[in-house]
Amino acid sequence: MNLFTLPPQKVAMVLLFILLSAAVFDVLYRRIPNWLTVTGVVLGIAMNTIIGSPEAGLVFSLLGLVVAFAIYAFLYALHAMGAGDVKLMAAVGALVGWERWFGIFFVTALVGGVMALILVVARGRLKKTLFNVSFILSEMKGLRPAYLKNEELDVKNKKALGLPHGAVIAVSTVLYMALCVRLAK
């Protein structure tokens, strides 16, 4: 399977519903409900198991779930991501498998970076953010989590400059799917 291929239509419809719902909750309430992410995981596993090999299957879905969860759990451990974001990306992985998930992850990193830059500039915090990035890198060299010495680098802290990552994931997935359509032509 190619990294930039669309999931089956019914899976794509469920994926978009889960992501758009998560984006609304994240923007309005700054949290993504468990019932939504669990529904995404269960539907991802069920739908892919029914679809079966070679396009999908149980192992395909579970591998997507595990890869997505592991990478985002690592970001959560660094206090760079919320728990709802971890569970949302796990649901995305269960729905689309690990290869498509990496495509979505890549687009999400790019879109998230651009959105964060816009937010930082709009809030007049570019200089502070560049200092924070430098601080994070220096702490990483010493294998220390940066949030321990700088509370605004902890996503859970009210002083942190927040961006609703569920919304970023939703926008990025739509862009990913549009790119898949474009590349298929």
Protein backbone atom coordinates (compact mmCIF):
# COMPACT_ATOMS: atom_id res chain seq x y z
CA MET A 1 0.00 0.00 0.00
CA ASN A 2 1.12 3.50 -0.81
CA LEU A 3 1.49 6.05 2.01
CA PHE A 4 -0.85 8.43 0.19
CA THR A 5 -3.94 6.36 -0.63
CA LEU A 6 -7.48 6.94 0.49
CA PRO A 7 -9.04 4.52 2.94
CA PRO A 8 -12.21 2.71 1.80
CA GLN A 9 -15.14 5.14 1.45
CA LYS A 10 -17.09 3.94 4.52
CA VAL A 11 -13.95 4.09 6.66
CA ALA A 12 -13.24 7.61 5.36
CA MET A 13 -16.77 8.71 6.27
CA VAL A 14 -16.41 7.39 9.84
CA LEU A 15 -12.93 8.93 10.09
CA LEU A 16 -14.20 12.36 9.05
CA PHE A 17 -17.17 12.18 11.42
CA ILE A 18 -14.94 11.24 14.38
CA LEU A 19 -12.37 13.92 13.54
CA LEU A 20 -14.84 16.73 12.90
CA SER A 21 -16.66 15.89 16.15
CA ALA A 22 -13.35 15.82 18.03
CA ALA A 23 -12.35 19.17 16.51
CA VAL A 24 -15.58 20.80 17.67
CA PHE A 25 -15.20 19.42 21.21
CA ASP A 26 -11.52 20.41 21.35
CA VAL A 27 -12.14 23.97 20.16
CA LEU A 28 -15.18 24.53 22.41
CA TYR A 29 -14.20 22.62 25.56
CA ARG A 30 -10.45 21.95 25.17
CA ARG A 31 -11.03 18.21 25.60
CA ILE A 32 -11.91 15.25 23.42
CA PRO A 33 -14.43 12.87 25.00
CA ASN A 34 -13.49 9.23 25.60
CA TRP A 35 -16.77 7.97 24.14
CA LEU A 36 -15.78 9.52 20.82
CA THR A 37 -12.25 8.11 20.69
CA VAL A 38 -13.34 4.67 21.92
CA THR A 39 -16.04 4.65 19.23
CA GLY A 40 -13.36 5.43 16.64
CA VAL A 41 -11.15 2.58 17.85
CA VAL A 42 -14.00 0.04 18.00
CA LEU A 43 -15.35 1.03 14.57
CA GLY A 44 -11.84 1.02 13.10
CA ILE A 45 -11.14 -2.51 14.33
CA ALA A 46 -14.60 -3.79 13.37
CA MET A 47 -14.72 -2.21 9.90
CA ASN A 48 -11.19 -3.26 8.97
CA THR A 49 -11.81 -6.80 10.23
CA ILE A 50 -14.93 -7.02 8.05
CA ILE A 51 -13.12 -5.55 5.02
CA GLY A 52 -10.31 -8.09 5.47
CA SER A 53 -7.08 -8.65 3.59
CA PRO A 54 -5.31 -7.44 1.51
CA GLU A 55 -6.64 -3.85 1.94
CA ALA A 56 -7.32 -4.10 5.67
CA GLY A 57 -7.94 -6.71 8.36
CA LEU A 58 -7.64 -7.12 12.10
CA VAL A 59 -3.82 -7.01 12.18
CA PHE A 60 -3.84 -3.96 9.86
CA SER A 61 -6.12 -2.10 12.28
CA LEU A 62 -4.34 -3.19 15.47
CA LEU A 63 -0.96 -2.25 14.05
CA GLY A 64 -2.27 1.22 13.15
CA LEU A 65 -3.71 1.57 16.65
CA VAL A 66 -0.48 0.50 18.39
CA VAL A 67 1.87 2.63 16.24
CA ALA A 68 -0.27 5.76 16.63
CA PHE A 69 -0.78 5.21 20.35
CA ALA A 70 2.92 4.56 21.01
CA ILE A 71 4.14 7.68 19.20
CA TYR A 72 1.54 9.96 20.76
CA ALA A 73 1.95 8.38 24.22
CA PHE A 74 5.62 9.35 23.99
CA LEU A 75 4.61 12.95 23.21
CA TYR A 76 2.15 12.81 26.11
CA ALA A 77 4.93 11.62 28.44
CA LEU A 78 6.90 14.73 27.44
CA HIS A 79 3.82 16.86 28.29
CA ALA A 80 3.70 17.98 24.66
CA MET A 81 0.28 16.45 23.96
CA GLY A 82 -2.96 15.90 25.84
CA ALA A 83 -4.42 12.48 26.59
CA GLY A 84 -7.40 13.11 24.30
CA ASP A 85 -5.01 13.75 21.41
CA VAL A 86 -3.30 10.43 22.10
CA LYS A 87 -6.59 8.55 22.07
CA LEU A 88 -7.81 10.41 18.98
CA MET A 89 -4.70 9.50 17.00
CA ALA A 90 -5.02 5.89 18.22
CA ALA A 91 -8.55 5.87 16.76
CA VAL A 92 -7.22 7.32 13.50
CA GLY A 93 -4.58 4.58 13.40
CA ALA A 94 -7.20 1.88 14.02
CA LEU A 95 -9.28 3.27 11.17
CA VAL A 96 -6.61 3.86 8.51
CA GLY A 97 -3.73 1.52 9.44
CA TRP A 98 -0.15 2.43 10.22
CA GLU A 99 0.98 3.43 6.72
CA ARG A 100 -1.81 5.93 6.08
CA TRP A 101 -1.48 7.05 9.70
CA PHE A 102 2.15 8.05 9.05
CA GLY A 103 0.97 10.13 6.09
CA ILE A 104 -1.60 11.83 8.31
CA PHE A 105 1.01 12.26 11.06
CA PHE A 106 3.40 13.92 8.62
CA VAL A 107 0.76 16.32 7.31
CA THR A 108 -0.37 17.01 10.90
CA ALA A 109 3.19 17.94 11.90
CA LEU A 110 3.46 20.39 9.00
CA VAL A 111 0.00 21.92 9.45
CA GLY A 112 0.42 22.07 13.22
CA GLY A 113 3.73 23.86 12.82
CA VAL A 114 2.23 26.45 10.48
CA MET A 115 -0.82 26.96 12.74
CA ALA A 116 1.41 27.28 15.80
CA LEU A 117 3.60 29.84 14.04
CA ILE A 118 0.53 31.88 13.11
CA LEU A 119 -0.71 31.72 16.73
CA VAL A 120 2.69 32.71 18.13
CA VAL A 121 3.03 35.69 15.77
CA ALA A 122 -0.59 36.77 16.38
CA ARG A 123 -0.03 36.72 20.14
CA GLY A 124 3.28 38.60 19.87
CA ARG A 125 5.26 35.70 21.36
CA LEU A 126 7.73 34.89 18.60
CA LYS A 127 10.83 35.86 20.59
CA LYS A 128 9.67 33.94 23.67
CA THR A 129 8.81 30.90 21.55
CA LEU A 130 12.22 30.88 19.86
CA PHE A 131 13.81 31.01 23.32
CA ASN A 132 11.58 28.12 24.45
CA VAL A 133 12.55 26.02 21.42
CA SER A 134 16.22 26.63 22.20
CA PHE A 135 15.58 25.71 25.84
CA ILE A 136 13.78 22.49 24.85
CA LEU A 137 16.67 21.46 22.60
CA SER A 138 19.25 22.14 25.33
CA GLU A 139 17.23 20.12 27.84
CA MET A 140 16.87 17.28 25.33
CA LYS A 141 20.67 17.10 24.98
CA GLY A 142 20.81 16.48 28.73
CA LEU A 143 17.92 13.98 28.47
CA ARG A 144 15.77 16.16 30.74
CA PRO A 145 12.12 17.03 30.11
CA ALA A 146 11.91 20.78 29.50
CA TYR A 147 8.55 21.18 31.25
CA LEU A 148 10.18 20.49 34.64
CA LYS A 149 12.09 23.80 34.58
CA ASN A 150 9.64 25.87 32.52
CA GLU A 151 5.96 25.44 33.38
CA GLU A 152 4.69 27.08 30.21
CA LEU A 153 6.20 24.17 28.26
CA ASP A 154 3.75 21.79 29.94
CA VAL A 155 0.65 21.41 27.76
CA LYS A 156 -1.40 20.86 30.94
CA ASN A 157 -0.42 24.23 32.41
CA LYS A 158 -2.74 27.23 32.04
CA LYS A 159 0.28 29.41 31.13
CA ALA A 160 1.01 27.29 28.06
CA LEU A 161 0.13 28.78 24.71
CA GLY A 162 -2.40 26.20 23.57
CA LEU A 163 -3.54 25.06 20.17
CA PRO A 164 -6.47 22.58 19.99
CA HIS A 165 -4.59 19.65 18.47
CA GLY A 166 -7.80 17.74 17.73
CA ALA A 167 -8.72 20.51 15.30
CA VAL A 168 -5.23 20.39 13.78
CA ILE A 169 -5.57 16.62 13.28
CA ALA A 170 -8.97 17.09 11.62
CA VAL A 171 -7.77 19.82 9.22
CA SER A 172 -4.62 17.83 8.44
CA THR A 173 -6.56 14.66 7.69
CA VAL A 174 -8.82 16.51 5.26
CA LEU A 175 -5.69 17.92 3.57
CA TYR A 176 -4.13 14.45 3.54
CA MET A 177 -7.21 13.01 1.85
CA ALA A 178 -7.25 15.84 -0.71
CA LEU A 179 -3.57 15.13 -1.43
CA CYS A 180 -4.41 11.42 -1.90
CA VAL A 181 -7.08 12.34 -4.46
CA ARG A 182 -4.68 14.68 -6.23
CA LEU A 183 -1.88 12.09 -6.36
CA ALA A 184 -4.26 9.42 -7.65
CA LYS A 185 -4.92 11.46 -10.82
